[in-house]
mmCIF file of all heavy atoms, coordinates in Angstrom:
data_MODEL
# 
_entry.id   MODEL 
# 
loop_
_atom_site.group_PDB 
_atom_site.id 
_atom_site.type_symbol 
_atom_site.label_atom_id 
_atom_site.label_alt_id 
_atom_site.label_comp_id 
_atom_site.label_asym_id 
_atom_site.label_entity_id 
_atom_site.label_seq_id 
_atom_site.pdbx_PDB_ins_code 
_atom_site.Cartn_x 
_atom_site.Cartn_y 
_atom_site.Cartn_z 
_atom_site.occupancy 
_atom_site.B_iso_or_equiv 
_atom_site.pdbx_formal_charge 
_atom_site.auth_seq_id 
_atom_site.auth_comp_id 
_atom_site.auth_asym_id 
_atom_site.auth_atom_id 
_atom_site.pdbx_PDB_model_num 
ATOM 1   N N   . GLY A 1 1  ? 10.571 9.391   -11.798 1.00 0.00 ? 1  GLY A N   1 
ATOM 2   C CA  . GLY A 1 1  ? 11.755 8.627   -11.313 1.00 0.00 ? 1  GLY A CA  1 
ATOM 3   C C   . GLY A 1 1  ? 11.890 8.574   -9.777  1.00 0.00 ? 1  GLY A C   1 
ATOM 4   O O   . GLY A 1 1  ? 12.041 7.567   -9.192  1.00 0.00 ? 1  GLY A O   1 
ATOM 5   N N   . TYR A 1 2  ? 11.533 9.740   -9.143  1.00 0.00 ? 2  TYR A N   1 
ATOM 6   C CA  . TYR A 1 2  ? 11.499 9.792   -7.659  1.00 0.00 ? 2  TYR A CA  1 
ATOM 7   C C   . TYR A 1 2  ? 10.469 8.875   -7.131  1.00 0.00 ? 2  TYR A C   1 
ATOM 8   O O   . TYR A 1 2  ? 10.653 8.145   -6.143  1.00 0.00 ? 2  TYR A O   1 
ATOM 9   C CB  . TYR A 1 2  ? 11.235 11.204  -7.206  1.00 0.00 ? 2  TYR A CB  1 
ATOM 10  C CG  . TYR A 1 2  ? 12.412 12.262  -7.381  1.00 0.00 ? 2  TYR A CG  1 
ATOM 11  C CD1 . TYR A 1 2  ? 12.256 13.460  -7.933  1.00 0.00 ? 2  TYR A CD1 1 
ATOM 12  C CD2 . TYR A 1 2  ? 13.635 11.851  -6.975  1.00 0.00 ? 2  TYR A CD2 1 
ATOM 13  C CE1 . TYR A 1 2  ? 13.238 14.333  -8.150  1.00 0.00 ? 2  TYR A CE1 1 
ATOM 14  C CE2 . TYR A 1 2  ? 14.760 12.710  -7.073  1.00 0.00 ? 2  TYR A CE2 1 
ATOM 15  C CZ  . TYR A 1 2  ? 14.492 13.949  -7.723  1.00 0.00 ? 2  TYR A CZ  1 
ATOM 16  O OH  . TYR A 1 2  ? 15.568 14.854  -7.813  1.00 0.00 ? 2  TYR A OH  1 
ATOM 17  N N   . VAL A 1 3  ? 9.239  8.959   -7.741  1.00 0.00 ? 3  VAL A N   1 
ATOM 18  C CA  . VAL A 1 3  ? 8.120  8.073   -7.364  1.00 0.00 ? 3  VAL A CA  1 
ATOM 19  C C   . VAL A 1 3  ? 8.532  6.565   -7.447  1.00 0.00 ? 3  VAL A C   1 
ATOM 20  O O   . VAL A 1 3  ? 8.288  5.778   -6.391  1.00 0.00 ? 3  VAL A O   1 
ATOM 21  C CB  . VAL A 1 3  ? 6.841  8.414   -8.029  1.00 0.00 ? 3  VAL A CB  1 
ATOM 22  C CG1 . VAL A 1 3  ? 5.772  7.485   -7.718  1.00 0.00 ? 3  VAL A CG1 1 
ATOM 23  C CG2 . VAL A 1 3  ? 6.395  9.849   -7.786  1.00 0.00 ? 3  VAL A CG2 1 
ATOM 24  N N   . VAL A 1 4  ? 9.062  6.245   -8.563  1.00 0.00 ? 4  VAL A N   1 
ATOM 25  C CA  . VAL A 1 4  ? 9.334  4.871   -8.800  1.00 0.00 ? 4  VAL A CA  1 
ATOM 26  C C   . VAL A 1 4  ? 10.444 4.385   -7.859  1.00 0.00 ? 4  VAL A C   1 
ATOM 27  O O   . VAL A 1 4  ? 10.325 3.265   -7.184  1.00 0.00 ? 4  VAL A O   1 
ATOM 28  C CB  . VAL A 1 4  ? 9.751  4.582   -10.265 1.00 0.00 ? 4  VAL A CB  1 
ATOM 29  C CG1 . VAL A 1 4  ? 10.388 3.125   -10.450 1.00 0.00 ? 4  VAL A CG1 1 
ATOM 30  C CG2 . VAL A 1 4  ? 8.596  4.744   -11.217 1.00 0.00 ? 4  VAL A CG2 1 
ATOM 31  N N   . ALA A 1 5  ? 11.561 5.179   -7.677  1.00 0.00 ? 5  ALA A N   1 
ATOM 32  C CA  . ALA A 1 5  ? 12.555 4.811   -6.777  1.00 0.00 ? 5  ALA A CA  1 
ATOM 33  C C   . ALA A 1 5  ? 12.068 4.685   -5.252  1.00 0.00 ? 5  ALA A C   1 
ATOM 34  O O   . ALA A 1 5  ? 12.479 3.856   -4.618  1.00 0.00 ? 5  ALA A O   1 
ATOM 35  C CB  . ALA A 1 5  ? 13.672 5.850   -6.800  1.00 0.00 ? 5  ALA A CB  1 
ATOM 36  N N   . GLY A 1 6  ? 11.155 5.672   -4.938  1.00 0.00 ? 6  GLY A N   1 
ATOM 37  C CA  . GLY A 1 6  ? 10.545 5.563   -3.640  1.00 0.00 ? 6  GLY A CA  1 
ATOM 38  C C   . GLY A 1 6  ? 9.757  4.310   -3.460  1.00 0.00 ? 6  GLY A C   1 
ATOM 39  O O   . GLY A 1 6  ? 9.790  3.718   -2.334  1.00 0.00 ? 6  GLY A O   1 
ATOM 40  N N   . ALA A 1 7  ? 8.932  3.978   -4.422  1.00 0.00 ? 7  ALA A N   1 
ATOM 41  C CA  . ALA A 1 7  ? 8.219  2.723   -4.387  1.00 0.00 ? 7  ALA A CA  1 
ATOM 42  C C   . ALA A 1 7  ? 9.067  1.436   -4.261  1.00 0.00 ? 7  ALA A C   1 
ATOM 43  O O   . ALA A 1 7  ? 8.745  0.596   -3.501  1.00 0.00 ? 7  ALA A O   1 
ATOM 44  C CB  . ALA A 1 7  ? 7.275  2.637   -5.649  1.00 0.00 ? 7  ALA A CB  1 
ATOM 45  N N   . ILE A 1 8  ? 10.130 1.493   -5.066  1.00 0.00 ? 8  ILE A N   1 
ATOM 46  C CA  . ILE A 1 8  ? 11.136 0.361   -4.860  1.00 0.00 ? 8  ILE A CA  1 
ATOM 47  C C   . ILE A 1 8  ? 11.637 0.240   -3.522  1.00 0.00 ? 8  ILE A C   1 
ATOM 48  O O   . ILE A 1 8  ? 11.756 -0.885  -2.918  1.00 0.00 ? 8  ILE A O   1 
ATOM 49  C CB  . ILE A 1 8  ? 12.168 0.557   -5.966  1.00 0.00 ? 8  ILE A CB  1 
ATOM 50  C CG1 . ILE A 1 8  ? 11.704 0.369   -7.374  1.00 0.00 ? 8  ILE A CG1 1 
ATOM 51  C CG2 . ILE A 1 8  ? 13.344 -0.493  -5.702  1.00 0.00 ? 8  ILE A CG2 1 
ATOM 52  C CD1 . ILE A 1 8  ? 12.675 0.620   -8.475  1.00 0.00 ? 8  ILE A CD1 1 
ATOM 53  N N   . THR A 1 9  ? 11.959 1.371   -2.970  1.00 0.00 ? 9  THR A N   1 
ATOM 54  C CA  . THR A 1 9  ? 12.574 1.457   -1.569  1.00 0.00 ? 9  THR A CA  1 
ATOM 55  C C   . THR A 1 9  ? 11.572 0.950   -0.529  1.00 0.00 ? 9  THR A C   1 
ATOM 56  O O   . THR A 1 9  ? 11.853 0.047   0.300   1.00 0.00 ? 9  THR A O   1 
ATOM 57  C CB  . THR A 1 9  ? 13.034 2.816   -1.260  1.00 0.00 ? 9  THR A CB  1 
ATOM 58  O OG1 . THR A 1 9  ? 13.966 3.240   -2.150  1.00 0.00 ? 9  THR A OG1 1 
ATOM 59  C CG2 . THR A 1 9  ? 13.585 2.863   0.138   1.00 0.00 ? 9  THR A CG2 1 
ATOM 60  N N   . VAL A 1 10 ? 10.301 1.370   -0.679  1.00 0.00 ? 10 VAL A N   1 
ATOM 61  C CA  . VAL A 1 10 ? 9.323  0.928   0.288   1.00 0.00 ? 10 VAL A CA  1 
ATOM 62  C C   . VAL A 1 10 ? 9.092  -0.610  0.125   1.00 0.00 ? 10 VAL A C   1 
ATOM 63  O O   . VAL A 1 10 ? 8.991  -1.383  1.174   1.00 0.00 ? 10 VAL A O   1 
ATOM 64  C CB  . VAL A 1 10 ? 7.936  1.601   0.006   1.00 0.00 ? 10 VAL A CB  1 
ATOM 65  C CG1 . VAL A 1 10 ? 6.817  0.947   0.850   1.00 0.00 ? 10 VAL A CG1 1 
ATOM 66  C CG2 . VAL A 1 10 ? 8.102  3.098   0.415   1.00 0.00 ? 10 VAL A CG2 1 
ATOM 67  N N   . LYS A 1 11 ? 9.074  -1.103  -1.149  1.00 0.00 ? 11 LYS A N   1 
ATOM 68  C CA  . LYS A 1 11 ? 8.920  -2.556  -1.330  1.00 0.00 ? 11 LYS A CA  1 
ATOM 69  C C   . LYS A 1 11 ? 10.052 -3.337  -0.728  1.00 0.00 ? 11 LYS A C   1 
ATOM 70  O O   . LYS A 1 11 ? 9.757  -4.419  -0.062  1.00 0.00 ? 11 LYS A O   1 
ATOM 71  C CB  . LYS A 1 11 ? 8.718  -2.831  -2.866  1.00 0.00 ? 11 LYS A CB  1 
ATOM 72  C CG  . LYS A 1 11 ? 8.799  -4.220  -3.282  1.00 0.00 ? 11 LYS A CG  1 
ATOM 73  C CD  . LYS A 1 11 ? 7.375  -4.882  -2.831  1.00 0.00 ? 11 LYS A CD  1 
ATOM 74  C CE  . LYS A 1 11 ? 7.091  -6.184  -3.550  1.00 0.00 ? 11 LYS A CE  1 
ATOM 75  N NZ  . LYS A 1 11 ? 8.139  -7.226  -3.399  1.00 0.00 ? 11 LYS A NZ  1 
ATOM 76  N N   . LEU A 1 12 ? 11.265 -2.846  -0.920  1.00 0.00 ? 12 LEU A N   1 
ATOM 77  C CA  . LEU A 1 12 ? 12.429 -3.580  -0.401  1.00 0.00 ? 12 LEU A CA  1 
ATOM 78  C C   . LEU A 1 12 ? 12.504 -3.529  1.124   1.00 0.00 ? 12 LEU A C   1 
ATOM 79  O O   . LEU A 1 12 ? 12.934 -4.447  1.802   1.00 0.00 ? 12 LEU A O   1 
ATOM 80  C CB  . LEU A 1 12 ? 13.677 -2.972  -1.085  1.00 0.00 ? 12 LEU A CB  1 
ATOM 81  C CG  . LEU A 1 12 ? 13.866 -3.325  -2.474  1.00 0.00 ? 12 LEU A CG  1 
ATOM 82  C CD1 . LEU A 1 12 ? 15.113 -2.566  -3.031  1.00 0.00 ? 12 LEU A CD1 1 
ATOM 83  C CD2 . LEU A 1 12 ? 14.103 -4.801  -2.733  1.00 0.00 ? 12 LEU A CD2 1 
ATOM 84  N N   . LEU A 1 13 ? 12.054 -2.331  1.742   1.00 0.00 ? 13 LEU A N   1 
ATOM 85  C CA  . LEU A 1 13 ? 11.976 -2.290  3.150   1.00 0.00 ? 13 LEU A CA  1 
ATOM 86  C C   . LEU A 1 13 ? 11.014 -3.278  3.649   1.00 0.00 ? 13 LEU A C   1 
ATOM 87  O O   . LEU A 1 13 ? 11.320 -4.055  4.709   1.00 0.00 ? 13 LEU A O   1 
ATOM 88  C CB  . LEU A 1 13 ? 11.528 -0.851  3.562   1.00 0.00 ? 13 LEU A CB  1 
ATOM 89  C CG  . LEU A 1 13 ? 12.620 0.232   3.583   1.00 0.00 ? 13 LEU A CG  1 
ATOM 90  C CD1 . LEU A 1 13 ? 11.969 1.598   3.621   1.00 0.00 ? 13 LEU A CD1 1 
ATOM 91  C CD2 . LEU A 1 13 ? 13.637 -0.031  4.597   1.00 0.00 ? 13 LEU A CD2 1 
ATOM 92  N N   . TRP A 1 14 ? 9.870  -3.451  3.047   1.00 0.00 ? 14 TRP A N   1 
ATOM 93  C CA  . TRP A 1 14 ? 8.846  -4.485  3.536   1.00 0.00 ? 14 TRP A CA  1 
ATOM 94  C C   . TRP A 1 14 ? 9.371  -5.889  3.333   1.00 0.00 ? 14 TRP A C   1 
ATOM 95  O O   . TRP A 1 14 ? 9.188  -6.678  4.203   1.00 0.00 ? 14 TRP A O   1 
ATOM 96  C CB  . TRP A 1 14 ? 7.570  -4.212  2.813   1.00 0.00 ? 14 TRP A CB  1 
ATOM 97  C CG  . TRP A 1 14 ? 6.468  -5.168  3.239   1.00 0.00 ? 14 TRP A CG  1 
ATOM 98  C CD1 . TRP A 1 14 ? 5.982  -6.234  2.569   1.00 0.00 ? 14 TRP A CD1 1 
ATOM 99  C CD2 . TRP A 1 14 ? 5.829  -5.120  4.465   1.00 0.00 ? 14 TRP A CD2 1 
ATOM 100 N NE1 . TRP A 1 14 ? 5.026  -6.905  3.325   1.00 0.00 ? 14 TRP A NE1 1 
ATOM 101 C CE2 . TRP A 1 14 ? 4.846  -6.276  4.452   1.00 0.00 ? 14 TRP A CE2 1 
ATOM 102 C CE3 . TRP A 1 14 ? 5.894  -4.310  5.678   1.00 0.00 ? 14 TRP A CE3 1 
ATOM 103 C CZ2 . TRP A 1 14 ? 4.089  -6.524  5.551   1.00 0.00 ? 14 TRP A CZ2 1 
ATOM 104 C CZ3 . TRP A 1 14 ? 4.976  -4.630  6.648   1.00 0.00 ? 14 TRP A CZ3 1 
ATOM 105 C CH2 . TRP A 1 14 ? 4.105  -5.686  6.597   1.00 0.00 ? 14 TRP A CH2 1 
ATOM 106 N N   . ASP A 1 15 ? 9.939  -6.118  2.159   1.00 0.00 ? 15 ASP A N   1 
ATOM 107 C CA  . ASP A 1 15 ? 10.458 -7.420  1.926   1.00 0.00 ? 15 ASP A CA  1 
ATOM 108 C C   . ASP A 1 15 ? 11.597 -7.879  2.882   1.00 0.00 ? 15 ASP A C   1 
ATOM 109 O O   . ASP A 1 15 ? 11.701 -8.938  3.342   1.00 0.00 ? 15 ASP A O   1 
ATOM 110 C CB  . ASP A 1 15 ? 11.014 -7.560  0.500   1.00 0.00 ? 15 ASP A CB  1 
ATOM 111 C CG  . ASP A 1 15 ? 9.847  -7.626  -0.575  1.00 0.00 ? 15 ASP A CG  1 
ATOM 112 O OD1 . ASP A 1 15 ? 8.719  -7.847  -0.167  1.00 0.00 ? 15 ASP A OD1 1 
ATOM 113 O OD2 . ASP A 1 15 ? 10.227 -7.543  -1.789  1.00 0.00 ? 15 ASP A OD2 1 
ATOM 114 N N   . SER A 1 16 ? 12.427 -6.817  3.226   1.00 0.00 ? 16 SER A N   1 
ATOM 115 C CA  . SER A 1 16 ? 13.472 -7.110  4.121   1.00 0.00 ? 16 SER A CA  1 
ATOM 116 C C   . SER A 1 16 ? 12.850 -7.349  5.563   1.00 0.00 ? 16 SER A C   1 
ATOM 117 O O   . SER A 1 16 ? 13.391 -8.274  6.230   1.00 0.00 ? 16 SER A O   1 
ATOM 118 C CB  . SER A 1 16 ? 14.345 -5.945  4.156   1.00 0.00 ? 16 SER A CB  1 
ATOM 119 O OG  . SER A 1 16 ? 15.057 -5.674  2.958   1.00 0.00 ? 16 SER A OG  1 
ATOM 120 N N   . PHE A 1 17 ? 11.936 -6.576  5.929   1.00 0.00 ? 17 PHE A N   1 
ATOM 121 C CA  . PHE A 1 17 ? 11.207 -6.765  7.191   1.00 0.00 ? 17 PHE A CA  1 
ATOM 122 C C   . PHE A 1 17 ? 10.656 -8.142  7.308   1.00 0.00 ? 17 PHE A C   1 
ATOM 123 O O   . PHE A 1 17 ? 10.650 -8.772  8.411   1.00 0.00 ? 17 PHE A O   1 
ATOM 124 C CB  . PHE A 1 17 ? 10.264 -5.682  7.431   1.00 0.00 ? 17 PHE A CB  1 
ATOM 125 C CG  . PHE A 1 17 ? 9.316  -5.806  8.648   1.00 0.00 ? 17 PHE A CG  1 
ATOM 126 C CD1 . PHE A 1 17 ? 9.931  -5.828  9.901   1.00 0.00 ? 17 PHE A CD1 1 
ATOM 127 C CD2 . PHE A 1 17 ? 7.958  -6.125  8.549   1.00 0.00 ? 17 PHE A CD2 1 
ATOM 128 C CE1 . PHE A 1 17 ? 9.159  -5.962  11.077  1.00 0.00 ? 17 PHE A CE1 1 
ATOM 129 C CE2 . PHE A 1 17 ? 7.169  -6.273  9.710   1.00 0.00 ? 17 PHE A CE2 1 
ATOM 130 C CZ  . PHE A 1 17 ? 7.847  -6.193  10.935  1.00 0.00 ? 17 PHE A CZ  1 
ATOM 131 N N   . ARG A 1 18 ? 10.028 -8.611  6.135   1.00 0.00 ? 18 ARG A N   1 
ATOM 132 C CA  . ARG A 1 18 ? 9.431  -9.991  6.246   1.00 0.00 ? 18 ARG A CA  1 
ATOM 133 C C   . ARG A 1 18 ? 10.402 -11.173 5.918   1.00 0.00 ? 18 ARG A C   1 
ATOM 134 O O   . ARG A 1 18 ? 9.979  -12.234 5.585   1.00 0.00 ? 18 ARG A O   1 
ATOM 135 C CB  . ARG A 1 18 ? 8.357  -10.067 5.175   1.00 0.00 ? 18 ARG A CB  1 
ATOM 136 C CG  . ARG A 1 18 ? 7.199  -8.981  5.343   1.00 0.00 ? 18 ARG A CG  1 
ATOM 137 C CD  . ARG A 1 18 ? 6.614  -8.937  6.718   1.00 0.00 ? 18 ARG A CD  1 
ATOM 138 N NE  . ARG A 1 18 ? 5.965  -10.218 6.998   1.00 0.00 ? 18 ARG A NE  1 
ATOM 139 C CZ  . ARG A 1 18 ? 5.433  -10.505 8.271   1.00 0.00 ? 18 ARG A CZ  1 
ATOM 140 N NH1 . ARG A 1 18 ? 5.577  -9.561  9.214   1.00 0.00 ? 18 ARG A NH1 1 
ATOM 141 N NH2 . ARG A 1 18 ? 4.833  -11.598 8.444   1.00 0.00 ? 18 ARG A NH2 1 
ATOM 142 N N   . TRP A 1 19 ? 11.702 -10.798 5.960   1.00 0.00 ? 19 TRP A N   1 
ATOM 143 C CA  . TRP A 1 19 ? 12.781 -11.784 5.825   1.00 0.00 ? 19 TRP A CA  1 
ATOM 144 C C   . TRP A 1 19 ? 12.920 -12.365 4.418   1.00 0.00 ? 19 TRP A C   1 
ATOM 145 O O   . TRP A 1 19 ? 13.448 -13.469 4.170   1.00 0.00 ? 19 TRP A O   1 
ATOM 146 C CB  . TRP A 1 19 ? 12.606 -12.945 6.823   1.00 0.00 ? 19 TRP A CB  1 
ATOM 147 C CG  . TRP A 1 19 ? 12.754 -12.547 8.295   1.00 0.00 ? 19 TRP A CG  1 
ATOM 148 C CD1 . TRP A 1 19 ? 11.797 -12.040 9.037   1.00 0.00 ? 19 TRP A CD1 1 
ATOM 149 C CD2 . TRP A 1 19 ? 14.002 -12.610 9.063   1.00 0.00 ? 19 TRP A CD2 1 
ATOM 150 N NE1 . TRP A 1 19 ? 12.351 -11.761 10.334  1.00 0.00 ? 19 TRP A NE1 1 
ATOM 151 C CE2 . TRP A 1 19 ? 13.643 -12.108 10.301  1.00 0.00 ? 19 TRP A CE2 1 
ATOM 152 C CE3 . TRP A 1 19 ? 15.284 -12.933 8.731   1.00 0.00 ? 19 TRP A CE3 1 
ATOM 153 C CZ2 . TRP A 1 19 ? 14.582 -12.043 11.362  1.00 0.00 ? 19 TRP A CZ2 1 
ATOM 154 C CZ3 . TRP A 1 19 ? 16.208 -12.882 9.777   1.00 0.00 ? 19 TRP A CZ3 1 
ATOM 155 C CH2 . TRP A 1 19 ? 15.899 -12.452 11.085  1.00 0.00 ? 19 TRP A CH2 1 
ATOM 156 N N   . ARG A 1 20 ? 12.327 -11.658 3.417   1.00 0.00 ? 20 ARG A N   1 
ATOM 157 C CA  . ARG A 1 20 ? 12.476 -12.138 2.072   1.00 0.00 ? 20 ARG A CA  1 
ATOM 158 C C   . ARG A 1 20 ? 13.770 -11.687 1.420   1.00 0.00 ? 20 ARG A C   1 
ATOM 159 O O   . ARG A 1 20 ? 14.241 -12.208 0.418   1.00 0.00 ? 20 ARG A O   1 
ATOM 160 C CB  . ARG A 1 20 ? 11.288 -11.623 1.218   1.00 0.00 ? 20 ARG A CB  1 
ATOM 161 C CG  . ARG A 1 20 ? 9.919  -12.136 1.715   1.00 0.00 ? 20 ARG A CG  1 
ATOM 162 C CD  . ARG A 1 20 ? 8.793  -11.575 0.860   1.00 0.00 ? 20 ARG A CD  1 
ATOM 163 N NE  . ARG A 1 20 ? 7.505  -11.802 1.454   1.00 0.00 ? 20 ARG A NE  1 
ATOM 164 C CZ  . ARG A 1 20 ? 6.637  -10.835 1.679   1.00 0.00 ? 20 ARG A CZ  1 
ATOM 165 N NH1 . ARG A 1 20 ? 6.825  -9.573  1.320   1.00 0.00 ? 20 ARG A NH1 1 
ATOM 166 N NH2 . ARG A 1 20 ? 5.444  -11.115 2.267   1.00 0.00 ? 20 ARG A NH2 1 
ATOM 167 N N   . ARG A 1 21 ? 14.314 -10.607 1.908   1.00 0.00 ? 21 ARG A N   1 
ATOM 168 C CA  . ARG A 1 21 ? 15.608 -10.114 1.355   1.00 0.00 ? 21 ARG A CA  1 
ATOM 169 C C   . ARG A 1 21 ? 16.542 -9.659  2.498   1.00 0.00 ? 21 ARG A C   1 
ATOM 170 O O   . ARG A 1 21 ? 16.021 -9.394  3.547   1.00 0.00 ? 21 ARG A O   1 
ATOM 171 C CB  . ARG A 1 21 ? 15.385 -8.964  0.387   1.00 0.00 ? 21 ARG A CB  1 
ATOM 172 C CG  . ARG A 1 21 ? 14.476 -9.309  -0.791  1.00 0.00 ? 21 ARG A CG  1 
ATOM 173 C CD  . ARG A 1 21 ? 14.502 -8.115  -1.767  1.00 0.00 ? 21 ARG A CD  1 
ATOM 174 N NE  . ARG A 1 21 ? 13.481 -8.373  -2.817  1.00 0.00 ? 21 ARG A NE  1 
ATOM 175 C CZ  . ARG A 1 21 ? 13.791 -9.036  -3.946  1.00 0.00 ? 21 ARG A CZ  1 
ATOM 176 N NH1 . ARG A 1 21 ? 14.980 -9.577  -4.018  1.00 0.00 ? 21 ARG A NH1 1 
ATOM 177 N NH2 . ARG A 1 21 ? 12.903 -9.282  -4.864  1.00 0.00 ? 21 ARG A NH2 1 
ATOM 178 N N   . ARG A 1 22 ? 17.781 -9.564  2.181   1.00 0.00 ? 22 ARG A N   1 
ATOM 179 C CA  . ARG A 1 22 ? 18.782 -9.005  3.171   1.00 0.00 ? 22 ARG A CA  1 
ATOM 180 C C   . ARG A 1 22 ? 18.590 -7.482  3.172   1.00 0.00 ? 22 ARG A C   1 
ATOM 181 O O   . ARG A 1 22 ? 18.558 -6.886  2.034   1.00 0.00 ? 22 ARG A O   1 
ATOM 182 C CB  . ARG A 1 22 ? 20.186 -9.350  2.790   1.00 0.00 ? 22 ARG A CB  1 
ATOM 183 C CG  . ARG A 1 22 ? 20.579 -10.703 3.312   1.00 0.00 ? 22 ARG A CG  1 
ATOM 184 C CD  . ARG A 1 22 ? 22.097 -10.742 3.290   1.00 0.00 ? 22 ARG A CD  1 
ATOM 185 N NE  . ARG A 1 22 ? 22.516 -11.975 2.714   1.00 0.00 ? 22 ARG A NE  1 
ATOM 186 C CZ  . ARG A 1 22 ? 23.770 -12.175 2.325   1.00 0.00 ? 22 ARG A CZ  1 
ATOM 187 N NH1 . ARG A 1 22 ? 24.683 -11.220 2.283   1.00 0.00 ? 22 ARG A NH1 1 
ATOM 188 N NH2 . ARG A 1 22 ? 24.096 -13.364 1.767   1.00 0.00 ? 22 ARG A NH2 1 
ATOM 189 N N   . PRO A 1 23 ? 18.503 -6.840  4.423   1.00 0.00 ? 23 PRO A N   1 
ATOM 190 C CA  . PRO A 1 23 ? 18.410 -5.393  4.442   1.00 0.00 ? 23 PRO A CA  1 
ATOM 191 C C   . PRO A 1 23 ? 19.539 -4.646  3.603   1.00 0.00 ? 23 PRO A C   1 
ATOM 192 O O   . PRO A 1 23 ? 19.334 -3.681  2.969   1.00 0.00 ? 23 PRO A O   1 
ATOM 193 C CB  . PRO A 1 23 ? 18.356 -5.094  5.828   1.00 0.00 ? 23 PRO A CB  1 
ATOM 194 C CG  . PRO A 1 23 ? 17.752 -6.276  6.449   1.00 0.00 ? 23 PRO A CG  1 
ATOM 195 C CD  . PRO A 1 23 ? 18.305 -7.407  5.672   1.00 0.00 ? 23 PRO A CD  1 
ATOM 196 N N   . MET A 1 24 ? 20.759 -5.168  3.793   1.00 0.00 ? 24 MET A N   1 
ATOM 197 C CA  . MET A 1 24 ? 21.879 -4.543  3.098   1.00 0.00 ? 24 MET A CA  1 
ATOM 198 C C   . MET A 1 24 ? 21.793 -4.532  1.554   1.00 0.00 ? 24 MET A C   1 
ATOM 199 O O   . MET A 1 24 ? 22.070 -3.580  0.904   1.00 0.00 ? 24 MET A O   1 
ATOM 200 C CB  . MET A 1 24 ? 23.183 -5.117  3.498   1.00 0.00 ? 24 MET A CB  1 
ATOM 201 C CG  . MET A 1 24 ? 23.778 -4.548  4.793   1.00 0.00 ? 24 MET A CG  1 
ATOM 202 S SD  . MET A 1 24 ? 24.373 -2.876  4.624   1.00 0.00 ? 24 MET A SD  1 
ATOM 203 C CE  . MET A 1 24 ? 25.852 -2.924  3.701   1.00 0.00 ? 24 MET A CE  1 
ATOM 204 N N   . ILE A 1 25 ? 21.348 -5.618  1.015   1.00 0.00 ? 25 ILE A N   1 
ATOM 205 C CA  . ILE A 1 25 ? 21.068 -5.687  -0.343  1.00 0.00 ? 25 ILE A CA  1 
ATOM 206 C C   . ILE A 1 25 ? 19.887 -4.747  -0.756  1.00 0.00 ? 25 ILE A C   1 
ATOM 207 O O   . ILE A 1 25 ? 19.971 -4.119  -1.834  1.00 0.00 ? 25 ILE A O   1 
ATOM 208 C CB  . ILE A 1 25 ? 20.756 -7.102  -0.802  1.00 0.00 ? 25 ILE A CB  1 
ATOM 209 C CG1 . ILE A 1 25 ? 21.992 -8.000  -0.617  1.00 0.00 ? 25 ILE A CG1 1 
ATOM 210 C CG2 . ILE A 1 25 ? 20.261 -7.140  -2.222  1.00 0.00 ? 25 ILE A CG2 1 
ATOM 211 C CD1 . ILE A 1 25 ? 21.839 -9.471  -0.998  1.00 0.00 ? 25 ILE A CD1 1 
# 
């Protein structure tokens, strides 16, 4: 669970950095 949640966070950080998602979301 920690690994999956960490992977989701890294993916969302990268997507937010590339303007694919809002960082707050």
